[in-house]
Protein backbone atom coordinates (compact mmCIF):
# COMPACT_ATOMS: atom_id res chain seq x y z
CA ILE A 1 114.34 89.35 115.32
CA ILE A 2 112.72 92.18 117.49
CA ASN A 3 109.45 91.12 118.81
CA ARG A 4 106.90 91.11 121.44
CA ASP A 5 109.83 90.70 124.18
CA ASN A 6 110.86 94.30 123.62
CA ILE A 7 107.14 95.51 124.08
CA SER A 8 108.65 97.58 126.95
CA ARG A 9 110.79 99.21 125.09
CA LEU A 10 108.39 99.72 121.92
CA SER A 11 105.66 100.86 124.57
CA ARG A 12 107.97 103.43 125.94
CA ILE A 13 108.83 105.42 122.25
CA HIS A 14 105.30 105.02 121.40
CA LYS A 15 103.69 105.92 124.71
CA VAL A 16 101.69 103.08 124.81
CA THR A 17 99.69 102.84 128.22
CA HIS A 18 97.30 100.25 127.73
CA ASN A 19 97.54 96.24 129.10
CA TYR A 20 96.24 94.85 126.04
CA PRO A 21 98.43 93.03 123.12
CA ILE A 22 99.78 95.40 120.44
CA GLU A 23 99.32 94.42 116.99
CA MET A 24 102.34 93.66 115.40
CA VAL A 25 103.49 94.19 111.60
CA SER A 26 106.20 91.83 109.97
CA ILE A 27 108.80 93.41 107.66
CA THR A 28 112.54 93.08 106.66
CA LEU A 29 114.86 95.79 106.63
CA ILE A 30 118.00 95.10 104.10
CA PHE A 31 121.39 97.29 104.81
CA GLY A 32 124.07 97.76 102.33
CA GLY A 33 126.83 99.93 100.92
CA GLY A 34 128.39 99.99 104.82
CA LEU A 35 125.33 100.86 106.43
CA GLU A 36 125.32 96.99 107.69
CA THR A 37 128.24 98.37 110.23
CA LEU A 38 125.45 100.56 112.03
CA VAL A 39 123.47 97.27 112.82
CA GLY A 40 126.09 94.80 113.91
CA ASN A 41 126.95 93.94 110.53
CA GLN A 42 123.96 92.36 109.45
CA LYS A 43 122.47 92.72 105.87
CA SER A 44 119.03 91.52 106.44
CA VAL A 45 117.05 92.18 109.90
CA SER A 46 113.36 90.48 110.08
CA VAL A 47 111.76 92.75 112.63
CA GLU A 48 107.94 93.08 114.01
CA ILE A 49 107.15 96.70 114.40
CA PRO A 50 104.15 97.79 116.05
CA SER A 51 100.88 98.58 114.11
CA SER A 52 101.11 102.22 115.32
CA VAL A 53 104.43 102.53 113.06
CA GLN A 54 102.24 103.28 109.97
CA LEU A 55 104.56 105.62 107.67
CA LEU A 56 108.02 105.07 106.52
CA SER A 57 108.61 108.30 108.63
CA ASP A 58 107.73 106.39 111.54
CA LEU A 59 109.91 103.69 110.67
CA ILE A 60 112.88 105.97 110.23
CA THR A 61 112.40 107.09 113.94
CA TRP A 62 111.84 103.34 115.19
CA ILE A 63 115.05 102.01 113.14
CA ARG A 64 117.28 104.57 114.59
CA LEU A 65 115.77 103.81 117.97
CA ASN A 66 115.76 100.03 117.94
CA VAL A 67 117.80 98.77 115.14
CA ILE A 68 120.79 101.22 114.81
CA THR A 69 123.53 100.22 117.40
CA GLU A 70 126.04 102.88 116.65
CA ARG A 71 126.34 106.29 114.90
CA HIS A 72 122.77 106.88 114.19
CA ASP A 73 124.14 110.33 112.52
CA LEU A 74 125.70 108.30 109.47
CA PHE A 75 121.46 107.24 108.95
CA VAL A 76 119.32 109.93 109.48
CA LEU A 77 119.65 113.78 109.50
CA GLY A 78 116.79 115.08 111.55
CA GLU A 79 113.80 113.44 110.70
CA THR A 80 114.53 111.38 107.28
CA ILE A 81 117.30 109.53 105.73
CA ARG A 82 120.48 110.91 105.42
CA PRO A 83 121.59 112.39 101.65
CA GLY A 84 123.47 109.67 100.30
CA ILE A 85 121.43 106.61 100.89
CA LEU A 86 119.09 105.22 98.28
CA VAL A 87 115.95 103.58 99.86
CA LEU A 88 114.27 100.96 98.26
CA ILE A 89 110.71 99.81 99.16
CA ASN A 90 109.99 96.33 97.84
CA ASP A 91 112.71 97.05 95.27
CA SER A 92 111.07 100.39 93.90
CA ASP A 93 112.88 103.70 94.35
CA TRP A 94 111.35 105.32 97.11
CA GLU A 95 110.78 108.28 95.12
CA LEU A 96 108.38 106.60 92.92
CA GLU A 97 106.78 105.38 96.55
CA ASN A 98 105.89 108.79 97.86
CA THR A 99 108.95 108.72 99.97
CA VAL A 100 108.54 109.04 104.14
CA HIS A 101 104.79 109.24 103.69
CA TYR A 102 104.50 105.49 102.23
CA SER A 103 102.12 103.50 104.39
CA ILE A 104 104.06 100.25 105.55
CA GLN A 105 102.14 96.87 104.67
CA PRO A 106 102.70 93.71 106.21
CA ASN A 107 105.84 91.76 104.71
CA ASP A 108 107.31 94.72 103.12
CA THR A 109 111.07 95.09 102.17
CA PHE A 110 112.94 98.25 103.04
CA CYS A 111 116.27 98.62 101.57
CA PHE A 112 118.71 101.16 102.66
CA ILE A 113 122.50 101.60 100.50
CA SER A 114 124.76 103.98 101.16
CA THR A 115 126.13 105.61 97.62
CA LEU A 116 129.04 107.09 99.52
CA HIS A 117 132.33 105.63 98.67
CA GLY A 118 134.53 108.04 100.23
CA GLY A 119 137.02 108.44 97.39
């Protein structure tokens, strides 16, 4: 679990300069179709993200910086998810949830599944 113990790293990423506690939001990240290899072979990861991570576009950047341990290029392309990765928000296609503009809610579940099978 990524939590307040990583606050200095989170503060650096989000340029937090105050000394009061940052409000955190609990969410679940699920990786499948081979993407779990990018996060230490974990299929499900419970994380606490800073409340400043409000949109899915923010979360994508946060995941790239804080969760993905290798081959970031297999997960993101520019500022969004790489083509060939199905994204579900609480079991619903992200296209139905306003894609990268989705507003993150406490206890949301985000599922990322690679649909590329290589032949």
